[in-house]
Amino acid sequence: MKKISLWALSTAFALNACAQQNPTIVKYAQIISADDAKKHLSILASDAFEGRETGKPGAEKAANYIAVEFKKLGLQAPVNGSYFFDVPLTVNALKVTAFTVNGKPFGYGQDFYLTGTYPDNSINVNDVVFVGYGTENEVGTTDLTGKILLWINEDKPEDGAKPNTSYRLTAKRTATIKFLQSKNPAAILAANAGIAGALARFGKSVASPRLTIKDAAKAASTNAPLFNITAALADELVKPAGKTYDEIKTASAAAVTPALSIKSTVAINYNTSHSDVKAVDVLGYLPGTDLKDEVLIISAHYDHIGLNPDPSAKDKVNNGADDDGSGTTGVLEIARAFSQAKKDGHGPRRSILFLGNVGEEKGLLGSEYYSEHPVFPLANTITDLNIDMIGRVGEEYIGKPDSANYVYAIGSSMLSKELHDIGEQANNTYTKLNLDYKYDDPNDPNRFYYRSDHYNFAKHGVPIIFYFNGVHADYHAPGDEVSKINFPLLVKRAQLVFYTGWELANRDKRPFVDGKISQEVR
């Protein structure tokens, strides 16, 4: 017989204890209703809120609405008597005034994009160094100082493994960039075939001013800037070598090829202006009883991407009903259920912080700032249950029998196997949704684990579960309207978060952390 630890026994007992439905918990879960959800979302995702872009009037309206609702519910204002937690942001308006290759101009947001904050600069070179996949063997002893590098932004193929060819950075490629930057080049041009499609869809937004947290430690980077470029632009860069980009990429994939100097003339000029922006997270606090010093966070971001920059567009507002009006609505409904339970004498043992994050669409900024300046110590924060898009059917479930009875659960076992089991048990006991773990993988090409606010808690060792319905045709588009929300499905998903939160807030022990903390990039 295998030896069983006391921790394992206590975990098994706790999970079995919630195997039978508790009528008290069911009573309060039923407070979460489609009618109330529709009322909230019809306001938050209305045209009057102008797409809730961080730093704009629409986001301020949304923050005020959430704060008023928190006050109605009797939640405490935990920020020195306020529901608003200031997030100091700076808008960085990056202007690329020139980008020419062999005299041919290329456009910011059409052919390339640049992220980050860099000192103003003018780069003029007469050759480009193709470094393949950027491995040490490919770079060799080539002097890259002051050069423009052309780099394949994909994982290099390996025998027996399918390479990740998405333009989203992996841990391996992040390390490669740091290696290349250590060689002091003037710039790195990261080529990927997926950039053209991304720019066709999001080009106007990627070329818009960038928000960053106002912090001396986040000053302009002294590293070489990383430009993401299309394969067509890469073709122009390698044309003087008498080859296409695909040809030299194929050769690099097949074998180790040394860095190749190509006689292309490149001129790049860019500069950045800065101005401060007002932004707030919205916090509502429900104090616990005997374990009140420990805090469960239930979060969603209330911001979206704002107005459509296309002057010819008929629909000017990116309403963001699903992303993430649905999650914000879910938080409000869950807060209503817990608040009523407390008023009836069934308050949670642990405290609960209902957290509306700002700036998620700008780089997880609100949650990043909160995690680095927490109102309640992260050491006392037991879990973050984060909701980002729970109101619709994702593209992979359209037409499936369980299209109205699923949710993607991401990250539950990354830091705590026990938290994963708690989430499973809550679902098996109450909601019986199909918990889909397809994206529950840090190496998933979509990078969902790193792309919403929960990650800023996970990177500090706080266990998380991220609830998500998957992307759809209206993702980050004006078509993400209230009329397309499946409110019964939104409610069922929110109820799962409530049931899981109830167990976490009332069990004797916080989830045991046994996973590895990942310091990854978004």
Protein backbone atom coordinates (compact mmCIF):
# COMPACT_ATOMS: atom_id res chain seq x y z
CA MET A 1 0.00 0.00 0.00
CA LYS A 2 1.31 3.46 -0.91
CA LYS A 3 1.85 5.92 1.90
CA ILE A 4 -0.79 8.69 1.89
CA SER A 5 0.12 12.10 3.28
CA LEU A 6 -2.07 13.94 5.78
CA TRP A 7 -2.40 16.75 3.20
CA ALA A 8 -3.75 14.31 0.61
CA LEU A 9 -6.25 12.92 3.10
CA SER A 10 -7.46 16.36 4.10
CA THR A 11 -7.79 17.37 0.44
CA ALA A 12 -9.79 14.26 -0.40
CA PHE A 13 -12.06 14.85 2.60
CA ALA A 14 -12.66 18.49 1.64
CA LEU A 15 -13.51 17.61 -1.94
CA ASN A 16 -15.82 14.78 -0.96
CA ALA A 17 -17.54 17.13 1.47
CA CYS A 18 -18.85 19.25 -1.41
CA ALA A 19 -19.88 16.26 -3.56
CA GLN A 20 -23.54 16.62 -2.42
CA GLN A 21 -25.35 19.77 -3.46
CA ASN A 22 -25.75 22.25 -0.62
CA PRO A 23 -29.20 23.88 -0.93
CA THR A 24 -27.95 27.07 0.73
CA ILE A 25 -25.25 27.54 -1.87
CA VAL A 26 -27.69 26.73 -4.69
CA LYS A 27 -30.11 29.34 -3.31
CA TYR A 28 -27.53 32.12 -3.61
CA ALA A 29 -26.18 30.94 -6.95
CA GLN A 30 -29.69 31.36 -8.36
CA ILE A 31 -29.49 35.08 -7.56
CA ILE A 32 -27.22 35.29 -10.60
CA SER A 33 -29.84 35.86 -13.27
CA ALA A 34 -30.07 36.45 -17.00
CA ASP A 35 -32.34 39.46 -16.52
CA ASP A 36 -29.91 41.26 -14.21
CA ALA A 37 -26.96 40.30 -16.39
CA LYS A 38 -28.67 41.76 -19.43
CA LYS A 39 -29.45 44.96 -17.52
CA HIS A 40 -25.79 45.48 -16.57
CA LEU A 41 -24.33 44.51 -19.92
CA SER A 42 -26.79 46.61 -21.91
CA ILE A 43 -25.39 49.64 -20.08
CA LEU A 44 -21.69 48.71 -20.00
CA ALA A 45 -21.59 47.74 -23.68
CA SER A 46 -23.81 50.54 -24.92
CA ASP A 47 -22.66 53.08 -27.49
CA ALA A 48 -22.72 55.69 -24.71
CA PHE A 49 -19.65 54.04 -23.18
CA GLU A 50 -17.74 54.38 -26.48
CA GLY A 51 -15.95 51.05 -26.25
CA ARG A 52 -14.52 51.73 -22.75
CA GLU A 53 -10.98 52.47 -23.96
CA THR A 54 -8.52 53.01 -21.11
CA GLY A 55 -7.86 56.70 -20.50
CA LYS A 56 -10.97 57.78 -22.40
CA PRO A 57 -14.36 59.02 -21.09
CA GLY A 58 -16.06 55.69 -21.79
CA ALA A 59 -13.76 53.79 -19.44
CA GLU A 60 -14.35 56.41 -16.75
CA LYS A 61 -18.11 55.97 -17.19
CA ALA A 62 -17.73 52.20 -16.81
CA ALA A 63 -15.59 52.59 -13.68
CA ASN A 64 -18.18 54.89 -12.13
CA TYR A 65 -20.99 52.47 -12.98
CA ILE A 66 -19.19 49.54 -11.35
CA ALA A 67 -18.41 51.58 -8.24
CA VAL A 68 -22.05 52.61 -7.87
CA GLU A 69 -23.12 48.98 -8.16
CA PHE A 70 -20.56 47.90 -5.56
CA LYS A 71 -21.91 50.55 -3.21
CA LYS A 72 -25.52 49.40 -3.77
CA LEU A 73 -24.45 45.88 -2.81
CA GLY A 74 -22.94 47.11 0.43
CA LEU A 75 -19.38 46.23 -0.52
CA GLN A 76 -16.73 48.18 1.32
CA ALA A 77 -14.57 50.77 -0.45
CA PRO A 78 -11.09 49.49 0.47
CA VAL A 79 -8.83 52.18 -1.01
CA ASN A 80 -8.81 54.71 1.83
CA GLY A 81 -12.59 54.86 1.65
CA SER A 82 -12.74 54.82 -2.14
CA TYR A 83 -13.65 52.15 -4.68
CA PHE A 84 -11.03 53.56 -7.07
CA PHE A 85 -7.43 52.39 -7.14
CA ASP A 86 -5.35 54.83 -9.18
CA VAL A 87 -3.24 53.24 -11.91
CA PRO A 88 -0.67 55.83 -13.08
CA LEU A 89 -0.30 55.48 -16.82
CA THR A 90 1.54 57.33 -19.55
CA VAL A 91 0.50 57.38 -23.18
CA ASN A 92 3.47 57.01 -25.51
CA ALA A 93 2.74 58.23 -29.03
CA LEU A 94 5.33 56.44 -31.17
CA LYS A 95 5.78 57.93 -34.62
CA VAL A 96 7.76 56.01 -37.23
CA THR A 97 8.41 58.85 -39.66
CA ALA A 98 10.39 56.74 -42.11
CA PHE A 99 10.88 53.06 -42.90
CA THR A 100 12.41 52.46 -46.32
CA VAL A 101 14.15 49.43 -47.78
CA ASN A 102 16.21 50.00 -50.93
CA GLY A 103 14.34 53.28 -51.36
CA LYS A 104 10.89 51.65 -51.10
CA PRO A 105 8.68 53.00 -48.26
CA PHE A 106 6.78 50.72 -45.90
CA GLY A 107 3.92 51.67 -43.59
CA TYR A 108 3.55 51.39 -39.82
CA GLY A 109 0.46 49.27 -39.16
CA GLN A 110 0.42 47.95 -42.74
CA ASP A 111 3.80 46.27 -43.15
CA PHE A 112 5.26 46.28 -39.65
CA TYR A 113 4.68 47.32 -36.07
CA LEU A 114 6.86 48.19 -33.11
CA THR A 115 5.97 47.82 -29.44
CA GLY A 116 7.72 49.27 -26.43
CA THR A 117 9.22 52.63 -25.55
CA TYR A 118 12.54 53.63 -27.07
CA PRO A 119 14.67 56.77 -27.27
CA ASP A 120 14.20 58.80 -30.43
CA ASN A 121 16.48 57.45 -33.12
CA SER A 122 17.47 57.55 -36.78
CA ILE A 123 18.97 54.38 -38.27
CA ASN A 124 20.68 54.27 -41.67
CA VAL A 125 22.55 51.16 -42.82
CA ASN A 126 23.78 49.73 -46.09
CA ASP A 127 23.52 46.07 -45.19
CA VAL A 128 21.26 43.74 -43.25
CA VAL A 129 22.43 40.62 -41.42
CA PHE A 130 20.17 37.59 -41.75
CA VAL A 131 20.61 35.57 -38.53
CA GLY A 132 18.18 32.74 -39.28
CA TYR A 133 16.53 31.53 -36.09
CA GLY A 134 19.03 33.47 -34.02
CA THR A 135 20.87 30.53 -32.49
CA GLU A 136 24.43 30.90 -31.24
CA ASN A 137 25.63 28.58 -33.99
CA GLU A 138 24.00 30.71 -36.67
CA VAL A 139 25.37 33.98 -35.25
CA GLY A 140 28.82 32.52 -34.64
CA THR A 141 31.50 35.21 -34.41
CA THR A 142 29.68 37.69 -36.67
CA ASP A 143 29.89 41.22 -35.32
CA LEU A 144 26.31 42.47 -35.02
CA THR A 145 27.11 45.83 -33.42
CA GLY A 146 25.07 48.61 -35.01
CA LYS A 147 23.58 46.26 -37.62
CA ILE A 148 19.97 45.65 -38.58
CA LEU A 149 19.13 41.98 -38.08
CA LEU A 150 16.58 39.98 -40.02
CA TRP A 151 15.36 37.18 -37.75
CA ILE A 152 12.87 34.34 -38.31
CA ASN A 153 10.30 34.75 -35.56
CA GLU A 154 9.38 31.06 -35.34
CA ASP A 155 10.59 28.10 -33.34
CA LYS A 156 13.26 26.25 -35.30
CA PRO A 157 12.00 22.84 -36.51
CA GLU A 158 13.23 19.85 -34.54
CA ASP A 159 12.91 16.17 -35.39
CA GLY A 160 9.75 14.64 -33.96
CA ALA A 161 8.20 17.94 -32.88
CA LYS A 162 5.77 20.27 -34.59
CA PRO A 163 7.29 23.77 -34.49
CA ASN A 164 5.34 26.73 -33.14
CA THR A 165 5.13 29.15 -36.05
CA SER A 166 2.84 31.74 -34.43
CA TYR A 167 4.17 35.29 -34.27
CA ARG A 168 3.42 35.35 -30.54
CA LEU A 169 6.66 35.00 -28.64
CA THR A 170 7.49 31.78 -26.83
CA ALA A 171 9.86 31.48 -23.88
CA LYS A 172 12.53 30.14 -26.22
CA ARG A 173 12.18 33.06 -28.62
CA THR A 174 12.16 35.57 -25.79
CA ALA A 175 15.54 34.18 -24.74
CA THR A 176 16.73 34.41 -28.35
CA ILE A 177 15.76 38.08 -28.52
CA LYS A 178 17.73 38.79 -25.35
CA PHE A 179 20.71 36.98 -26.83
CA LEU A 180 20.52 38.99 -30.05
CA GLN A 181 20.05 42.26 -28.16
CA SER A 182 23.18 41.48 -26.14
CA LYS A 183 25.10 41.79 -29.41
CA ASN A 184 24.14 45.51 -29.59
CA PRO A 185 22.45 45.63 -32.98
CA ALA A 186 20.65 48.78 -34.14
CA ALA A 187 17.34 46.95 -34.61
CA ILE A 188 15.84 43.47 -34.96
CA LEU A 189 13.33 42.83 -37.75
CA ALA A 190 11.23 39.80 -36.70
CA ALA A 191 9.65 38.21 -39.76
CA ASN A 192 6.58 35.98 -39.57
CA ALA A 193 3.98 35.03 -42.16
CA GLY A 194 1.17 35.67 -39.66
CA ILE A 195 1.98 39.36 -39.29
CA ALA A 196 0.18 40.30 -42.52
CA GLY A 197 -3.10 38.82 -41.30
CA ALA A 198 -2.75 40.36 -37.86
CA LEU A 199 -2.08 43.80 -39.32
CA ALA A 200 -4.97 43.47 -41.77
CA ARG A 201 -7.26 43.00 -38.78
CA PHE A 202 -5.61 45.07 -36.06
CA GLY A 203 -3.23 47.36 -37.95
CA LYS A 204 -4.96 50.60 -37.01
CA SER A 205 -4.94 49.72 -33.32
CA VAL A 206 -1.32 48.54 -33.17
CA ALA A 207 -0.25 51.82 -34.72
CA SER A 208 -2.14 53.84 -32.10
CA PRO A 209 -0.39 55.38 -29.06
CA ARG A 210 0.72 52.90 -26.37
CA LEU A 211 -0.01 53.04 -22.68
CA THR A 212 2.57 52.05 -20.08
CA ILE A 213 2.72 52.25 -16.33
CA LYS A 214 4.31 55.52 -15.27
CA ASP A 215 7.36 54.31 -13.43
CA ALA A 216 11.00 55.37 -13.46
CA ALA A 217 11.92 51.71 -13.72
CA LYS A 218 10.02 51.54 -17.02
CA ALA A 219 11.99 54.21 -18.83
CA ALA A 220 12.73 53.97 -22.52
CA SER A 221 14.48 50.73 -23.33
CA THR A 222 18.16 50.88 -24.26
CA ASN A 223 17.87 47.53 -26.05
CA ALA A 224 17.56 47.28 -29.80
CA PRO A 225 13.92 47.77 -30.86
CA LEU A 226 12.05 44.73 -32.16
CA PHE A 227 10.02 45.41 -35.33
CA ASN A 228 7.50 42.74 -36.31
CA ILE A 229 7.46 42.61 -40.10
CA THR A 230 5.54 40.84 -42.84
CA ALA A 231 7.06 38.20 -45.09
CA ALA A 232 6.62 40.61 -48.01
CA LEU A 233 8.82 43.20 -46.27
CA ALA A 234 11.35 40.44 -45.54
CA ASP A 235 11.33 39.61 -49.25
CA GLU A 236 12.35 43.17 -50.06
CA LEU A 237 15.16 42.98 -47.50
CA VAL A 238 16.72 39.85 -49.05
CA LYS A 239 16.09 40.75 -52.70
CA PRO A 240 19.68 41.97 -53.34
CA ALA A 241 20.90 38.46 -52.44
CA GLY A 242 18.96 37.06 -55.40
CA LYS A 243 16.76 34.98 -53.10
CA THR A 244 13.31 35.10 -51.55
CA TYR A 245 12.70 35.15 -47.83
CA ASP A 246 11.07 31.70 -48.03
CA GLU A 247 14.18 30.30 -49.74
CA ILE A 248 16.62 31.46 -47.08
CA LYS A 249 14.18 30.51 -44.33
CA THR A 250 13.87 26.97 -45.75
CA ALA A 251 17.64 26.66 -45.89
CA SER A 252 17.92 27.77 -42.25
CA ALA A 253 15.27 25.28 -41.17
CA ALA A 254 17.10 22.41 -42.86
CA ALA A 255 20.56 23.07 -41.42
CA VAL A 256 22.70 25.48 -39.46
CA THR A 257 23.53 28.30 -41.85
CA PRO A 258 25.94 31.08 -40.92
CA ALA A 259 24.78 34.67 -40.62
CA LEU A 260 24.41 36.22 -44.05
CA SER A 261 25.18 39.85 -44.86
CA ILE A 262 22.83 41.28 -47.49
CA LYS A 263 23.48 44.58 -49.27
CA SER A 264 20.16 46.27 -48.56
CA THR A 265 19.85 49.96 -47.73
CA VAL A 266 17.53 50.57 -44.79
CA ALA A 267 16.48 53.88 -43.22
CA ILE A 268 14.30 53.97 -40.09
CA ASN A 269 13.36 57.09 -38.13
CA TYR A 270 11.15 57.09 -35.02
CA ASN A 271 10.33 59.33 -32.07
CA THR A 272 7.97 59.22 -29.10
CA SER A 273 5.95 61.83 -27.20
CA HIS A 274 4.57 61.22 -23.70
CA SER A 275 1.56 62.41 -21.67
CA ASP A 276 -0.07 61.21 -18.44
CA VAL A 277 -3.42 59.41 -18.42
CA LYS A 278 -6.04 58.94 -15.72
CA ALA A 279 -7.05 55.33 -15.10
CA VAL A 280 -8.42 53.32 -12.18
CA ASP A 281 -9.06 49.76 -11.12
CA VAL A 282 -12.39 49.39 -9.29
CA LEU A 283 -12.33 47.45 -6.01
CA GLY A 284 -15.25 46.19 -3.93
CA TYR A 285 -14.46 44.37 -0.68
CA LEU A 286 -16.56 41.83 1.21
CA PRO A 287 -14.93 41.12 4.60
CA GLY A 288 -14.82 37.57 5.85
CA THR A 289 -15.25 36.16 9.33
CA ASP A 290 -12.73 33.92 11.10
CA LEU A 291 -10.34 33.81 8.10
CA LYS A 292 -10.86 37.42 7.01
CA ASP A 293 -7.12 38.16 6.65
CA GLU A 294 -7.01 35.79 3.69
CA VAL A 295 -8.44 37.16 0.42
CA LEU A 296 -10.02 35.57 -2.62
CA ILE A 297 -10.00 37.77 -5.75
CA ILE A 298 -12.72 37.52 -8.38
CA SER A 299 -11.66 39.67 -11.33
CA ALA A 300 -12.48 40.83 -14.84
CA HIS A 301 -11.30 43.74 -16.96
CA TYR A 302 -13.88 46.38 -17.75
CA ASP A 303 -11.92 48.16 -20.50
CA HIS A 304 -12.14 47.45 -24.22
CA ILE A 305 -10.57 48.92 -27.39
CA GLY A 306 -12.71 52.02 -27.87
CA LEU A 307 -13.94 53.62 -31.07
CA ASN A 308 -13.37 52.29 -34.55
CA PRO A 309 -10.58 54.41 -36.10
CA ASP A 310 -11.84 53.79 -39.64
CA PRO A 311 -13.60 57.04 -40.70
CA SER A 312 -15.63 55.16 -43.32
CA ALA A 313 -16.99 52.59 -40.87
CA LYS A 314 -20.76 52.57 -40.31
CA ASP A 315 -20.40 51.19 -36.80
CA LYS A 316 -18.10 53.50 -34.85
CA VAL A 317 -18.14 51.68 -31.50
CA ASN A 318 -16.29 48.52 -30.50
CA ASN A 319 -18.85 47.69 -27.80
CA GLY A 320 -16.95 44.76 -26.29
CA ALA A 321 -20.07 43.02 -25.03
CA ASP A 322 -18.27 39.70 -24.72
CA ASP A 323 -14.75 41.11 -24.28
CA ASP A 324 -15.04 41.79 -21.46
CA GLY A 325 -18.42 43.23 -20.69
CA SER A 326 -19.55 39.67 -20.06
CA GLY A 327 -16.84 39.09 -17.46
CA THR A 328 -17.51 42.42 -15.75
CA THR A 329 -21.22 41.58 -15.67
CA GLY A 330 -20.34 38.19 -14.22
CA VAL A 331 -18.34 39.81 -11.42
CA LEU A 332 -21.23 42.14 -10.58
CA GLU A 333 -23.66 39.23 -10.45
CA ILE A 334 -21.35 37.06 -8.35
CA ALA A 335 -20.82 39.99 -6.00
CA ARG A 336 -24.59 40.34 -5.68
CA ALA A 337 -24.94 36.68 -4.72
CA PHE A 338 -22.17 36.78 -2.10
CA SER A 339 -23.43 40.08 -0.70
CA GLN A 340 -26.94 38.73 -0.22
CA ALA A 341 -25.54 35.61 1.44
CA LYS A 342 -23.64 37.79 3.90
CA LYS A 343 -26.73 39.89 4.65
CA ASP A 344 -28.59 36.64 5.41
CA GLY A 345 -25.90 35.46 7.81
CA HIS A 346 -24.04 33.19 5.41
CA GLY A 347 -21.04 35.40 4.76
CA PRO A 348 -17.74 33.88 3.63
CA ARG A 349 -15.03 32.92 6.10
CA ARG A 350 -12.39 34.52 3.91
CA SER A 351 -12.67 38.02 2.52
CA ILE A 352 -13.48 38.49 -1.16
CA LEU A 353 -12.12 41.29 -3.34
CA PHE A 354 -14.15 41.97 -6.47
CA LEU A 355 -11.65 43.54 -8.84
CA GLY A 356 -12.47 45.41 -12.05
CA ASN A 357 -9.22 45.88 -13.92
CA VAL A 358 -8.42 48.68 -16.33
CA GLY A 359 -5.87 48.57 -19.15
CA GLU A 360 -6.02 44.85 -19.90
CA GLU A 361 -6.28 45.53 -23.61
CA LYS A 362 -3.23 47.79 -23.34
CA GLY A 363 -0.99 45.12 -21.84
CA LEU A 364 -2.57 43.88 -18.57
CA LEU A 365 -1.66 47.23 -17.01
CA GLY A 366 -4.24 47.56 -14.24
CA SER A 367 -3.65 44.08 -12.87
CA GLU A 368 0.11 44.51 -13.20
CA TYR A 369 0.04 47.69 -11.13
CA TYR A 370 -2.26 46.16 -8.53
CA SER A 371 -0.10 43.05 -8.21
CA GLU A 372 2.95 45.24 -7.61
CA HIS A 373 1.13 47.63 -5.23
CA PRO A 374 -1.57 45.43 -3.68
CA VAL A 375 -4.18 46.83 -1.31
CA PHE A 376 -4.23 43.41 0.36
CA PRO A 377 -0.91 41.53 0.60
CA LEU A 378 -0.39 38.96 -2.13
CA ALA A 379 0.95 36.62 0.56
CA ASN A 380 -2.62 36.60 1.92
CA THR A 381 -4.26 36.30 -1.50
CA ILE A 382 -5.29 32.67 -1.89
CA THR A 383 -6.55 32.60 -5.51
CA ASP A 384 -7.62 34.78 -8.42
CA LEU A 385 -10.68 33.60 -10.34
CA ASN A 386 -10.48 35.67 -13.53
CA ILE A 387 -13.31 35.98 -16.06
CA ASP A 388 -12.54 37.19 -19.58
CA MET A 389 -15.26 36.49 -22.18
CA ILE A 390 -18.04 34.18 -20.97
CA GLY A 391 -21.03 35.40 -23.00
CA ARG A 392 -20.76 33.66 -26.34
CA VAL A 393 -19.90 30.48 -28.19
CA GLY A 394 -16.33 30.38 -29.46
CA GLU A 395 -15.53 29.49 -33.04
CA GLU A 396 -14.44 25.93 -32.17
CA TYR A 397 -17.78 25.09 -30.53
CA ILE A 398 -20.15 26.44 -33.16
CA GLY A 399 -22.44 23.62 -34.25
CA LYS A 400 -21.29 21.18 -31.56
CA PRO A 401 -23.85 19.45 -29.32
CA ASP A 402 -22.36 21.03 -26.19
CA SER A 403 -21.98 24.52 -27.70
CA ALA A 404 -24.18 25.98 -24.95
CA ASN A 405 -22.66 23.99 -22.10
CA TYR A 406 -18.90 24.49 -22.00
CA VAL A 407 -16.18 26.84 -20.84
CA TYR A 408 -12.43 26.82 -21.31
CA ALA A 409 -10.67 26.55 -17.94
CA ILE A 410 -7.08 27.74 -18.13
CA GLY A 411 -4.29 27.70 -15.56
CA SER A 412 -6.04 25.90 -12.72
CA SER A 413 -3.29 23.32 -12.27
CA MET A 414 -0.30 25.50 -13.22
CA LEU A 415 0.40 26.41 -9.60
CA SER A 416 -1.97 24.23 -7.60
CA LYS A 417 -3.23 20.74 -8.41
CA GLU A 418 -5.57 21.16 -5.46
CA LEU A 419 -7.16 24.26 -7.01
CA HIS A 420 -7.74 22.31 -10.21
CA ASP A 421 -9.51 19.59 -8.23
CA ILE A 422 -11.62 22.16 -6.38
CA GLY A 423 -12.77 23.68 -9.68
CA GLU A 424 -13.56 20.24 -11.07
CA GLN A 425 -15.52 19.23 -7.99
CA ALA A 426 -17.56 22.45 -7.97
CA ASN A 427 -18.49 21.87 -11.59
CA ASN A 428 -19.27 18.18 -11.14
CA THR A 429 -21.48 18.94 -8.16
CA TYR A 430 -23.39 21.93 -9.47
CA THR A 431 -23.06 23.26 -13.02
CA LYS A 432 -21.87 20.22 -14.99
CA LEU A 433 -20.38 22.28 -17.78
CA ASN A 434 -17.88 20.72 -20.14
CA LEU A 435 -14.62 22.07 -18.71
CA ASP A 436 -12.38 22.25 -21.75
CA TYR A 437 -8.65 22.26 -20.97
CA LYS A 438 -7.46 22.61 -24.56
CA TYR A 439 -5.68 25.90 -23.83
CA ASP A 440 -4.49 24.90 -20.37
CA ASP A 441 -0.91 24.76 -21.58
CA PRO A 442 1.82 27.41 -21.23
CA ASN A 443 3.15 26.36 -24.62
CA ASP A 444 -0.16 26.75 -26.46
CA PRO A 445 0.47 28.89 -29.57
CA ASN A 446 -2.42 31.19 -28.67
CA ARG A 447 -0.69 32.10 -25.38
CA PHE A 448 -4.01 32.53 -23.55
CA TYR A 449 -2.44 31.73 -20.16
CA TYR A 450 -0.37 34.90 -20.52
CA ARG A 451 -3.00 37.14 -22.12
CA SER A 452 -5.41 38.15 -19.37
CA ASP A 453 -5.18 39.68 -15.90
CA HIS A 454 -4.86 36.43 -13.94
CA TYR A 455 -1.28 36.10 -15.16
CA ASN A 456 -0.10 39.07 -13.12
CA PHE A 457 -1.17 37.15 -10.02
CA ALA A 458 0.19 33.81 -11.21
CA LYS A 459 3.64 35.27 -11.81
CA HIS A 460 3.69 36.25 -8.12
CA GLY A 461 2.74 32.73 -7.02
CA VAL A 462 -1.02 33.25 -6.56
CA PRO A 463 -2.98 30.27 -7.97
CA ILE A 464 -5.51 31.19 -10.64
CA ILE A 465 -8.32 29.90 -12.82
CA PHE A 466 -9.10 31.74 -16.04
CA TYR A 467 -12.63 31.26 -17.47
CA PHE A 468 -12.95 31.89 -21.22
CA ASN A 469 -15.37 31.03 -24.04
CA GLY A 470 -12.82 31.26 -26.86
CA VAL A 471 -12.54 33.80 -29.66
CA HIS A 472 -15.17 34.35 -32.34
CA ALA A 473 -15.63 36.31 -35.58
CA ASP A 474 -16.43 39.50 -33.65
CA TYR A 475 -13.37 39.39 -31.39
CA HIS A 476 -12.01 42.97 -31.16
CA ALA A 477 -14.51 44.05 -33.80
CA PRO A 478 -17.61 46.28 -33.78
CA GLY A 479 -19.82 43.18 -34.09
CA ASP A 480 -19.24 42.21 -30.45
CA GLU A 481 -22.71 43.42 -29.49
CA VAL A 482 -25.12 42.70 -26.63
CA SER A 483 -27.58 41.18 -29.10
CA LYS A 484 -25.18 38.27 -29.66
CA ILE A 485 -24.75 37.37 -25.98
CA ASN A 486 -26.15 34.05 -24.75
CA PHE A 487 -27.30 35.20 -21.31
CA PRO A 488 -28.31 31.76 -19.91
CA LEU A 489 -24.83 30.51 -20.82
CA LEU A 490 -23.19 33.59 -19.30
CA VAL A 491 -25.16 32.94 -16.10
CA LYS A 492 -24.19 29.28 -15.92
CA ARG A 493 -20.53 30.10 -16.36
CA ALA A 494 -20.75 32.84 -13.72
CA GLN A 495 -22.45 30.37 -11.38
CA LEU A 496 -19.51 28.00 -11.79
CA VAL A 497 -17.19 30.80 -10.66
CA PHE A 498 -19.54 31.48 -7.72
CA TYR A 499 -19.62 27.83 -6.63
CA THR A 500 -15.84 27.56 -6.92
CA GLY A 501 -15.43 30.83 -5.06
CA TRP A 502 -17.78 29.70 -2.29
CA GLU A 503 -15.70 26.60 -1.67
CA LEU A 504 -12.43 28.56 -1.73
CA ALA A 505 -13.78 31.24 0.61
CA ASN A 506 -15.10 28.75 3.17
CA ARG A 507 -12.80 25.71 3.26
CA ASP A 508 -10.39 25.24 6.14
CA LYS A 509 -7.19 25.48 4.10
CA ARG A 510 -6.18 27.66 1.19
CA PRO A 511 -5.13 25.84 -2.03
CA PHE A 512 -1.74 24.23 -1.69
CA VAL A 513 0.81 25.68 -4.11
CA ASP A 514 2.89 22.94 -5.70
CA GLY A 515 3.52 24.27 -9.23
CA LYS A 516 6.30 26.23 -10.83
CA ILE A 517 6.01 30.01 -11.11
CA SER A 518 6.61 31.17 -14.69
CA GLN A 519 8.08 34.60 -15.46
CA GLU A 520 6.90 34.76 -19.05
CA VAL A 521 6.07 37.58 -21.44
CA ARG A 522 2.58 38.31 -22.70
